[in-house]
Amino acid sequence: MSDPFTPPDPAAAAARRAHAALFRIAERHAATPEQRARGAHPSVLAPHEAVRLVAFLLSGAAERADGEPEVDRADITAALSLVARARAEFDELERGLLEMARGRGLTWQEIAFGLGLATPQAARQRHARLTERVPDADTDAPRGAS
């Protein structure tokens, strides 16, 4: 049991939640190869998948297949050129998840907790920033741009 007079370590609590979150989602929604394959396109890499693949191959976290060329400078440059697109896709995904969470009745306090933010106001501000950055689906321009 922890000392009740020692403030909790927010970073340690966030790390425990991240581990528990991965385990929960994997157990409930990615328990079979078919479930895990839902997020991947069968023949085309998404930008975040390509960036991750190059990073994993470079770091040794993934091994090259027989006959697969080593990652070269052009591969690294290609991966770097996809980072902004991957970030934009993630921003869009996060904004959508925030809006769906609100639509399902989660409070800004609950959303802040899930995001690891200190206040509901911080969660609302994050949503506002994402809404400004994510392009409008109809015009492909950032929201609020004329």
Protein backbone atom coordinates (compact mmCIF):
# COMPACT_ATOMS: atom_id res chain seq x y z
CA MET A 1 0.00 0.00 0.00
CA SER A 2 1.28 3.48 -0.79
CA ASP A 3 1.89 6.16 1.78
CA PRO A 4 -1.32 8.23 2.08
CA PHE A 5 0.77 11.35 2.76
CA THR A 6 2.87 11.12 -0.40
CA PRO A 7 1.32 12.71 -3.47
CA PRO A 8 0.69 10.24 -6.28
CA ASP A 9 3.11 10.27 -9.20
CA PRO A 10 1.02 11.37 -12.23
CA ALA A 11 3.52 9.94 -14.73
CA ALA A 12 3.49 6.53 -13.05
CA ALA A 13 -0.31 6.55 -12.90
CA ALA A 14 -0.49 7.46 -16.61
CA ALA A 15 1.95 4.65 -17.47
CA ARG A 16 -0.17 2.14 -15.51
CA ARG A 17 -3.31 3.37 -17.30
CA ALA A 18 -1.62 3.12 -20.71
CA HIS A 19 -0.59 -0.48 -20.02
CA ALA A 20 -4.06 -1.34 -18.72
CA ALA A 21 -5.67 0.41 -21.72
CA LEU A 22 -3.62 -1.58 -24.24
CA PHE A 23 -4.37 -4.82 -22.43
CA ARG A 24 -8.10 -4.06 -22.17
CA ILE A 25 -8.54 -3.12 -25.83
CA ALA A 26 -6.39 -6.02 -27.03
CA GLU A 27 -8.34 -8.49 -24.89
CA ARG A 28 -11.76 -7.15 -25.86
CA HIS A 29 -11.31 -6.05 -29.48
CA ALA A 30 -8.10 -7.59 -30.87
CA ALA A 31 -8.06 -11.12 -29.50
CA THR A 32 -8.03 -12.83 -32.91
CA PRO A 33 -5.97 -12.24 -36.05
CA GLU A 34 -9.17 -11.21 -37.85
CA GLN A 35 -9.95 -8.58 -35.22
CA ARG A 36 -6.37 -7.23 -35.31
CA ALA A 37 -6.45 -7.03 -39.11
CA ARG A 38 -9.47 -4.68 -39.09
CA GLY A 39 -7.27 -1.63 -38.66
CA ALA A 40 -4.98 -2.39 -41.56
CA HIS A 41 -5.61 -2.11 -45.25
CA PRO A 42 -4.77 -5.45 -46.86
CA SER A 43 -2.62 -3.99 -49.64
CA VAL A 44 -1.69 -0.38 -48.77
CA LEU A 45 0.21 0.96 -45.78
CA ALA A 46 -1.25 3.91 -43.94
CA PRO A 47 1.24 6.73 -43.31
CA HIS A 48 1.58 5.90 -39.60
CA GLU A 49 2.18 2.24 -40.45
CA ALA A 50 4.95 3.14 -42.91
CA VAL A 51 6.66 5.49 -40.43
CA ARG A 52 6.41 2.88 -37.68
CA LEU A 53 7.73 0.12 -39.93
CA VAL A 54 10.83 2.10 -40.93
CA ALA A 55 11.44 3.12 -37.30
CA PHE A 56 11.06 -0.48 -36.11
CA LEU A 57 13.41 -1.80 -38.80
CA LEU A 58 16.01 0.88 -38.01
CA SER A 59 15.84 0.30 -34.26
CA GLY A 60 15.93 -3.48 -34.49
CA ALA A 61 12.44 -3.85 -33.02
CA ALA A 62 11.46 -5.60 -36.27
CA GLU A 63 13.59 -7.98 -38.30
CA ARG A 64 13.93 -7.84 -42.06
CA ALA A 65 12.36 -10.71 -43.99
CA ASP A 66 14.55 -12.90 -46.17
CA GLY A 67 15.47 -10.96 -49.29
CA GLU A 68 14.14 -7.66 -47.92
CA PRO A 69 16.57 -4.77 -48.51
CA GLU A 70 18.06 -2.88 -45.59
CA VAL A 71 16.52 0.48 -44.74
CA ASP A 72 18.47 3.13 -46.64
CA ARG A 73 18.63 6.92 -46.56
CA ALA A 74 15.80 7.25 -49.09
CA ASP A 75 13.58 5.01 -46.91
CA ILE A 76 14.32 7.21 -43.91
CA THR A 77 13.58 10.37 -45.92
CA ALA A 78 10.36 8.81 -47.19
CA ALA A 79 9.28 7.97 -43.64
CA LEU A 80 10.13 11.47 -42.42
CA SER A 81 8.06 12.93 -45.26
CA LEU A 82 5.03 10.98 -43.98
CA VAL A 83 5.25 12.17 -40.36
CA ALA A 84 3.14 15.31 -40.93
CA ARG A 85 0.45 13.29 -42.73
CA ALA A 86 0.43 10.66 -39.98
CA ARG A 87 0.14 13.41 -37.35
CA ALA A 88 -2.77 15.00 -39.24
CA GLU A 89 -4.56 11.65 -39.47
CA PHE A 90 -4.04 11.12 -35.75
CA ASP A 91 -5.36 14.62 -35.00
CA GLU A 92 -8.47 13.83 -37.01
CA LEU A 93 -8.87 10.51 -35.22
CA GLU A 94 -8.47 12.16 -31.81
CA ARG A 95 -10.96 14.93 -32.64
CA GLY A 96 -13.49 12.36 -33.81
CA LEU A 97 -12.98 10.26 -30.69
CA LEU A 98 -13.47 13.31 -28.48
CA GLU A 99 -16.70 14.19 -30.28
CA MET A 100 -17.96 10.60 -30.05
CA ALA A 101 -17.07 10.54 -26.34
CA ARG A 102 -19.11 13.69 -25.79
CA GLY A 103 -21.92 12.18 -27.85
CA ARG A 104 -21.88 9.12 -25.58
CA GLY A 105 -22.24 11.34 -22.52
CA LEU A 106 -18.67 11.49 -21.21
CA THR A 107 -17.99 14.68 -19.30
CA TRP A 108 -15.04 16.92 -20.04
CA GLN A 109 -13.62 15.80 -16.67
CA GLU A 110 -13.78 12.14 -17.75
CA ILE A 111 -12.23 13.02 -21.10
CA ALA A 112 -9.47 15.00 -19.39
CA PHE A 113 -8.70 11.99 -17.20
CA GLY A 114 -8.51 9.70 -20.22
CA LEU A 115 -6.18 12.11 -22.02
CA GLY A 116 -4.01 12.56 -18.94
CA LEU A 117 -4.91 16.23 -18.65
CA ALA A 118 -5.36 18.02 -15.35
CA THR A 119 -8.61 19.88 -15.99
CA PRO A 120 -11.81 19.73 -18.03
CA GLN A 121 -10.83 23.12 -19.45
CA ALA A 122 -7.61 21.62 -20.83
CA ALA A 123 -9.64 18.90 -22.57
CA ARG A 124 -12.01 21.47 -24.09
CA GLN A 125 -9.05 23.57 -25.27
CA ARG A 126 -7.44 20.52 -26.84
CA HIS A 127 -10.66 19.77 -28.70
CA ALA A 128 -10.81 23.37 -29.90
CA ARG A 129 -7.20 23.23 -31.17
CA LEU A 130 -7.85 19.94 -32.96
CA THR A 131 -11.03 21.33 -34.50
CA GLU A 132 -9.06 24.29 -35.85
CA ARG A 133 -6.27 22.06 -37.25
CA VAL A 134 -8.28 19.24 -38.80
CA PRO A 135 -9.38 20.00 -42.36
CA ASP A 136 -13.06 20.32 -43.14
CA ALA A 137 -14.16 17.16 -44.96
CA ASP A 138 -15.96 19.16 -47.66
CA THR A 139 -13.26 21.71 -48.52
CA ASP A 140 -10.01 20.07 -47.33
CA ALA A 141 -9.15 23.45 -45.77
CA PRO A 142 -8.57 23.85 -42.03
CA ARG A 143 -11.84 24.43 -40.18
CA GLY A 144 -12.68 28.09 -39.83
CA ALA A 145 -10.64 29.02 -42.93
CA SER A 146 -12.49 30.87 -45.68
